[in-house]
Amino acid sequence: MKEAPLYNDAIQLARWICANLRADAPVGRRVHHAALDLVEHVTLALHGLDREVEVDLADRAAARLRALLRLAFELDLLVEAGLLHAAAMLDRIGRQIGGWRRHLDGGNL
């Protein structure tokens, strides 16, 4: 079975964060948790469990993750290249979530 691109992207981002960002600092732990929250909400939405709620929560998790990554960078927990890489991955995820939200709201994809 082929996995959804949004699911794959969320998993890849979470894997990258776990491998490249220390979780021993409070902000690092929050970044890890936000990435895992994103994966969780995407997974539940794909399984149709309260889909609209989970897509909204995935969008919120992505926004929270974006802010926490910026803070991690400013606290020297993440190098600039890492921030740019994660931001690009989040932009792709955000576009997919936005498309899904428009679809659920009855808009065109």
N, C-alpha and C. Protein backbone atom coordinates (compact mmCIF):
# COMPACT_ATOMS: atom_id res chain seq x y z
N MET A 1 0.84 -1.18 0.00
CA MET A 1 0.00 0.00 0.00
C MET A 1 0.88 1.25 0.00
N LYS A 2 0.56 2.19 -0.84
CA LYS A 2 1.32 3.44 -0.93
C LYS A 2 0.89 4.37 0.20
N GLU A 3 1.87 4.96 0.88
CA GLU A 3 1.58 5.88 1.97
C GLU A 3 1.37 7.28 1.42
N ALA A 4 0.57 8.06 2.13
CA ALA A 4 0.28 9.43 1.73
C ALA A 4 1.55 10.28 1.82
N PRO A 5 1.77 11.16 0.84
CA PRO A 5 2.96 12.04 0.88
C PRO A 5 3.04 12.86 2.17
N LEU A 6 1.91 13.33 2.68
CA LEU A 6 1.91 14.11 3.91
C LEU A 6 2.42 13.26 5.08
N TYR A 7 1.98 12.04 5.15
CA TYR A 7 2.44 11.13 6.20
C TYR A 7 3.95 10.90 6.08
N ASN A 8 4.40 10.59 4.87
CA ASN A 8 5.83 10.37 4.64
C ASN A 8 6.65 11.60 5.02
N ASP A 9 6.18 12.78 4.64
CA ASP A 9 6.92 14.00 4.95
C ASP A 9 6.97 14.26 6.45
N ALA A 10 5.85 14.03 7.14
CA ALA A 10 5.82 14.23 8.60
C ALA A 10 6.77 13.26 9.30
N ILE A 11 6.77 12.01 8.86
CA ILE A 11 7.67 11.00 9.43
C ILE A 11 9.14 11.38 9.16
N GLN A 12 9.43 11.80 7.94
CA GLN A 12 10.81 12.17 7.59
C GLN A 12 11.27 13.36 8.44
N LEU A 13 10.41 14.33 8.63
CA LEU A 13 10.77 15.49 9.45
C LEU A 13 11.02 15.07 10.90
N ALA A 14 10.13 14.26 11.45
CA ALA A 14 10.30 13.80 12.83
C ALA A 14 11.59 12.99 12.97
N ARG A 15 11.87 12.14 12.00
CA ARG A 15 13.10 11.35 12.04
C ARG A 15 14.33 12.27 11.99
N TRP A 16 14.28 13.26 11.11
CA TRP A 16 15.40 14.19 10.98
C TRP A 16 15.61 14.94 12.30
N ILE A 17 14.52 15.42 12.90
CA ILE A 17 14.63 16.16 14.16
C ILE A 17 15.22 15.27 15.25
N CYS A 18 14.73 14.05 15.35
CA CYS A 18 15.24 13.13 16.39
C CYS A 18 16.73 12.85 16.20
N ALA A 19 17.18 12.82 14.96
CA ALA A 19 18.58 12.52 14.68
C ALA A 19 19.49 13.74 14.78
N ASN A 20 18.94 14.94 14.66
CA ASN A 20 19.80 16.13 14.53
C ASN A 20 19.62 17.20 15.60
N LEU A 21 18.69 17.01 16.50
CA LEU A 21 18.47 18.03 17.52
C LEU A 21 18.50 17.37 18.89
N ARG A 22 19.38 17.87 19.74
CA ARG A 22 19.49 17.31 21.09
C ARG A 22 18.19 17.52 21.86
N ALA A 23 17.80 16.50 22.60
CA ALA A 23 16.58 16.60 23.39
C ALA A 23 16.88 16.78 24.87
N ASP A 24 18.15 17.07 25.20
CA ASP A 24 18.51 17.23 26.61
C ASP A 24 18.21 18.63 27.14
N ALA A 25 17.92 19.58 26.26
CA ALA A 25 17.53 20.93 26.68
C ALA A 25 16.00 21.03 26.61
N PRO A 26 15.39 21.88 27.44
CA PRO A 26 13.92 21.99 27.43
C PRO A 26 13.35 22.30 26.04
N VAL A 27 13.97 23.22 25.32
CA VAL A 27 13.46 23.56 24.00
C VAL A 27 13.62 22.38 23.04
N GLY A 28 14.72 21.67 23.14
CA GLY A 28 14.92 20.48 22.31
C GLY A 28 13.84 19.45 22.54
N ARG A 29 13.50 19.23 23.81
CA ARG A 29 12.42 18.28 24.12
C ARG A 29 11.10 18.74 23.52
N ARG A 30 10.82 20.04 23.61
CA ARG A 30 9.57 20.58 23.06
C ARG A 30 9.53 20.41 21.54
N VAL A 31 10.67 20.61 20.88
CA VAL A 31 10.73 20.41 19.42
C VAL A 31 10.43 18.95 19.09
N HIS A 32 11.03 18.03 19.82
CA HIS A 32 10.77 16.60 19.60
C HIS A 32 9.30 16.29 19.78
N HIS A 33 8.71 16.80 20.86
CA HIS A 33 7.30 16.54 21.13
C HIS A 33 6.41 17.14 20.05
N ALA A 34 6.72 18.33 19.59
CA ALA A 34 5.92 18.97 18.55
C ALA A 34 5.99 18.17 17.25
N ALA A 35 7.16 17.65 16.93
CA ALA A 35 7.30 16.83 15.71
C ALA A 35 6.49 15.55 15.84
N LEU A 36 6.52 14.95 17.02
CA LEU A 36 5.74 13.73 17.23
C LEU A 36 4.25 14.02 17.24
N ASP A 37 3.86 15.17 17.77
CA ASP A 37 2.45 15.58 17.72
C ASP A 37 1.98 15.72 16.28
N LEU A 38 2.82 16.31 15.44
CA LEU A 38 2.49 16.47 14.03
C LEU A 38 2.24 15.10 13.38
N VAL A 39 3.14 14.17 13.62
CA VAL A 39 2.97 12.82 13.07
C VAL A 39 1.68 12.19 13.58
N GLU A 40 1.41 12.34 14.86
CA GLU A 40 0.21 11.76 15.45
C GLU A 40 -1.06 12.32 14.81
N HIS A 41 -1.14 13.64 14.66
CA HIS A 41 -2.35 14.25 14.11
C HIS A 41 -2.53 13.90 12.63
N VAL A 42 -1.45 13.86 11.89
CA VAL A 42 -1.53 13.47 10.48
C VAL A 42 -2.01 12.02 10.37
N THR A 43 -1.45 11.15 11.20
CA THR A 43 -1.83 9.74 11.19
C THR A 43 -3.31 9.56 11.50
N LEU A 44 -3.78 10.22 12.54
CA LEU A 44 -5.19 10.09 12.92
C LEU A 44 -6.11 10.67 11.85
N ALA A 45 -5.71 11.78 11.25
CA ALA A 45 -6.53 12.37 10.18
C ALA A 45 -6.61 11.43 8.99
N LEU A 46 -5.51 10.79 8.64
CA LEU A 46 -5.51 9.87 7.51
C LEU A 46 -6.38 8.65 7.78
N HIS A 47 -6.53 8.30 9.05
CA HIS A 47 -7.38 7.17 9.40
C HIS A 47 -8.83 7.58 9.57
N GLY A 48 -9.13 8.84 9.31
CA GLY A 48 -10.51 9.31 9.32
C GLY A 48 -11.10 9.56 10.69
N LEU A 49 -10.28 9.57 11.73
CA LEU A 49 -10.77 9.78 13.08
C LEU A 49 -10.85 11.28 13.36
N ASP A 50 -12.07 11.80 13.41
CA ASP A 50 -12.27 13.25 13.60
C ASP A 50 -11.38 14.03 12.63
N ARG A 51 -11.50 13.70 11.35
CA ARG A 51 -10.57 14.21 10.33
C ARG A 51 -10.40 15.73 10.37
N GLU A 52 -11.49 16.47 10.41
CA GLU A 52 -11.37 17.93 10.39
C GLU A 52 -10.63 18.45 11.61
N VAL A 53 -10.92 17.88 12.76
CA VAL A 53 -10.25 18.28 14.01
C VAL A 53 -8.76 17.95 13.92
N GLU A 54 -8.44 16.74 13.47
CA GLU A 54 -7.04 16.31 13.41
C GLU A 54 -6.25 17.12 12.37
N VAL A 55 -6.85 17.48 11.26
CA VAL A 55 -6.15 18.32 10.27
C VAL A 55 -5.87 19.69 10.88
N ASP A 56 -6.84 20.23 11.61
CA ASP A 56 -6.62 21.51 12.28
C ASP A 56 -5.51 21.39 13.32
N LEU A 57 -5.51 20.31 14.07
CA LEU A 57 -4.46 20.10 15.07
C LEU A 57 -3.09 19.89 14.42
N ALA A 58 -3.06 19.22 13.28
CA ALA A 58 -1.81 19.05 12.54
C ALA A 58 -1.28 20.42 12.10
N ASP A 59 -2.17 21.28 11.63
CA ASP A 59 -1.77 22.62 11.22
C ASP A 59 -1.20 23.40 12.40
N ARG A 60 -1.84 23.28 13.54
CA ARG A 60 -1.35 23.95 14.74
C ARG A 60 0.00 23.39 15.18
N ALA A 61 0.15 22.07 15.10
CA ALA A 61 1.41 21.44 15.48
C ALA A 61 2.54 21.91 14.56
N ALA A 62 2.24 22.06 13.26
CA ALA A 62 3.25 22.54 12.32
C ALA A 62 3.65 23.99 12.65
N ALA A 63 2.68 24.83 12.99
CA ALA A 63 2.98 26.22 13.35
C ALA A 63 3.81 26.27 14.64
N ARG A 64 3.44 25.45 15.61
CA ARG A 64 4.19 25.39 16.87
C ARG A 64 5.61 24.91 16.62
N LEU A 65 5.75 23.90 15.77
CA LEU A 65 7.06 23.35 15.45
C LEU A 65 7.94 24.39 14.76
N ARG A 66 7.36 25.15 13.86
CA ARG A 66 8.11 26.20 13.15
C ARG A 66 8.68 27.22 14.16
N ALA A 67 7.86 27.64 15.11
CA ALA A 67 8.31 28.61 16.11
C ALA A 67 9.38 28.00 17.02
N LEU A 68 9.19 26.76 17.42
CA LEU A 68 10.17 26.12 18.30
C LEU A 68 11.49 25.87 17.60
N LEU A 69 11.47 25.55 16.32
CA LEU A 69 12.71 25.38 15.57
C LEU A 69 13.48 26.69 15.51
N ARG A 70 12.77 27.77 15.31
CA ARG A 70 13.42 29.08 15.28
C ARG A 70 14.08 29.38 16.62
N LEU A 71 13.36 29.08 17.70
CA LEU A 71 13.92 29.29 19.03
C LEU A 71 15.13 28.38 19.26
N ALA A 72 15.05 27.14 18.82
CA ALA A 72 16.18 26.21 18.95
C ALA A 72 17.40 26.76 18.22
N PHE A 73 17.18 27.33 17.05
CA PHE A 73 18.28 27.94 16.30
C PHE A 73 18.89 29.11 17.07
N GLU A 74 18.04 29.98 17.61
CA GLU A 74 18.51 31.14 18.35
C GLU A 74 19.25 30.76 19.63
N LEU A 75 18.95 29.57 20.16
CA LEU A 75 19.64 29.09 21.36
C LEU A 75 20.83 28.19 21.03
N ASP A 76 21.21 28.18 19.76
CA ASP A 76 22.35 27.39 19.27
C ASP A 76 22.17 25.88 19.46
N LEU A 77 20.94 25.42 19.43
CA LEU A 77 20.68 23.98 19.46
C LEU A 77 20.60 23.41 18.06
N LEU A 78 20.59 24.31 17.08
CA LEU A 78 20.43 23.93 15.68
C LEU A 78 21.23 24.89 14.83
N VAL A 79 21.97 24.37 13.87
CA VAL A 79 22.74 25.24 12.97
C VAL A 79 21.81 25.80 11.89
N GLU A 80 22.28 26.85 11.22
CA GLU A 80 21.44 27.52 10.22
C GLU A 80 21.02 26.58 9.10
N ALA A 81 21.92 25.75 8.63
CA ALA A 81 21.58 24.82 7.55
C ALA A 81 20.48 23.86 8.01
N GLY A 82 20.52 23.46 9.26
CA GLY A 82 19.49 22.58 9.81
C GLY A 82 18.15 23.29 9.89
N LEU A 83 18.18 24.54 10.32
CA LEU A 83 16.94 25.32 10.38
C LEU A 83 16.34 25.46 8.98
N LEU A 84 17.16 25.76 8.01
CA LEU A 84 16.66 25.92 6.64
C LEU A 84 16.10 24.61 6.09
N HIS A 85 16.77 23.52 6.40
CA HIS A 85 16.29 22.21 5.94
C HIS A 85 14.94 21.88 6.57
N ALA A 86 14.84 22.05 7.88
CA ALA A 86 13.58 21.76 8.57
C ALA A 86 12.47 22.70 8.11
N ALA A 87 12.81 23.97 7.90
CA ALA A 87 11.81 24.94 7.43
C ALA A 87 11.28 24.56 6.05
N ALA A 88 12.15 24.09 5.18
CA ALA A 88 11.71 23.66 3.84
C ALA A 88 10.78 22.46 3.95
N MET A 89 11.12 21.53 4.83
CA MET A 89 10.26 20.37 5.03
C MET A 89 8.91 20.80 5.60
N LEU A 90 8.93 21.73 6.55
CA LEU A 90 7.68 22.22 7.13
C LEU A 90 6.84 22.99 6.12
N ASP A 91 7.49 23.74 5.23
CA ASP A 91 6.74 24.45 4.18
C ASP A 91 5.99 23.46 3.30
N ARG A 92 6.66 22.37 2.92
CA ARG A 92 6.00 21.34 2.10
C ARG A 92 4.82 20.73 2.87
N ILE A 93 5.04 20.42 4.12
CA ILE A 93 3.97 19.86 4.96
C ILE A 93 2.82 20.85 5.08
N GLY A 94 3.16 22.11 5.31
CA GLY A 94 2.13 23.14 5.45
C GLY A 94 1.28 23.30 4.21
N ARG A 95 1.91 23.22 3.04
CA ARG A 95 1.14 23.31 1.78
C ARG A 95 0.18 22.13 1.65
N GLN A 96 0.62 20.96 2.05
CA GLN A 96 -0.24 19.78 1.97
C GLN A 96 -1.41 19.88 2.96
N ILE A 97 -1.13 20.34 4.16
CA ILE A 97 -2.19 20.51 5.15
C ILE A 97 -3.18 21.57 4.67
N GLY A 98 -2.65 22.67 4.11
CA GLY A 98 -3.53 23.72 3.60
C GLY A 98 -4.44 23.21 2.49
N GLY A 99 -3.90 22.40 1.60
CA GLY A 99 -4.72 21.81 0.54
C GLY A 99 -5.79 20.91 1.11
N TRP A 100 -5.43 20.15 2.10
CA TRP A 100 -6.40 19.25 2.73
C TRP A 100 -7.50 20.05 3.42
N ARG A 101 -7.12 21.15 4.10
CA ARG A 101 -8.12 21.99 4.77
C ARG A 101 -9.08 22.61 3.75
N ARG A 102 -8.54 23.08 2.63
CA ARG A 102 -9.41 23.65 1.59
C ARG A 102 -10.37 22.59 1.06
N HIS A 103 -9.87 21.40 0.88
CA HIS A 103 -10.72 20.29 0.40
C HIS A 103 -11.84 19.99 1.40
N LEU A 104 -11.50 19.94 2.69
CA LEU A 104 -12.50 19.65 3.71
C LEU A 104 -13.52 20.78 3.82
N ASP A 105 -13.08 22.00 3.54
CA ASP A 105 -13.99 23.15 3.61
C ASP A 105 -14.83 23.29 2.34
N GLY A 106 -14.64 22.38 1.40
CA GLY A 106 -15.42 22.41 0.17
C GLY A 106 -14.81 23.22 -0.94
N GLY A 107 -13.57 23.70 -0.75
CA GLY A 107 -12.88 24.47 -1.77
C GLY A 107 -12.23 23.56 -2.80
N ASN A 108 -11.69 24.15 -3.82
CA ASN A 108 -10.99 23.38 -4.85
C ASN A 108 -9.58 23.10 -4.42
N LEU A 109 -9.08 21.96 -4.85
CA LEU A 109 -7.69 21.60 -4.56
C LEU A 109 -6.79 22.20 -5.58
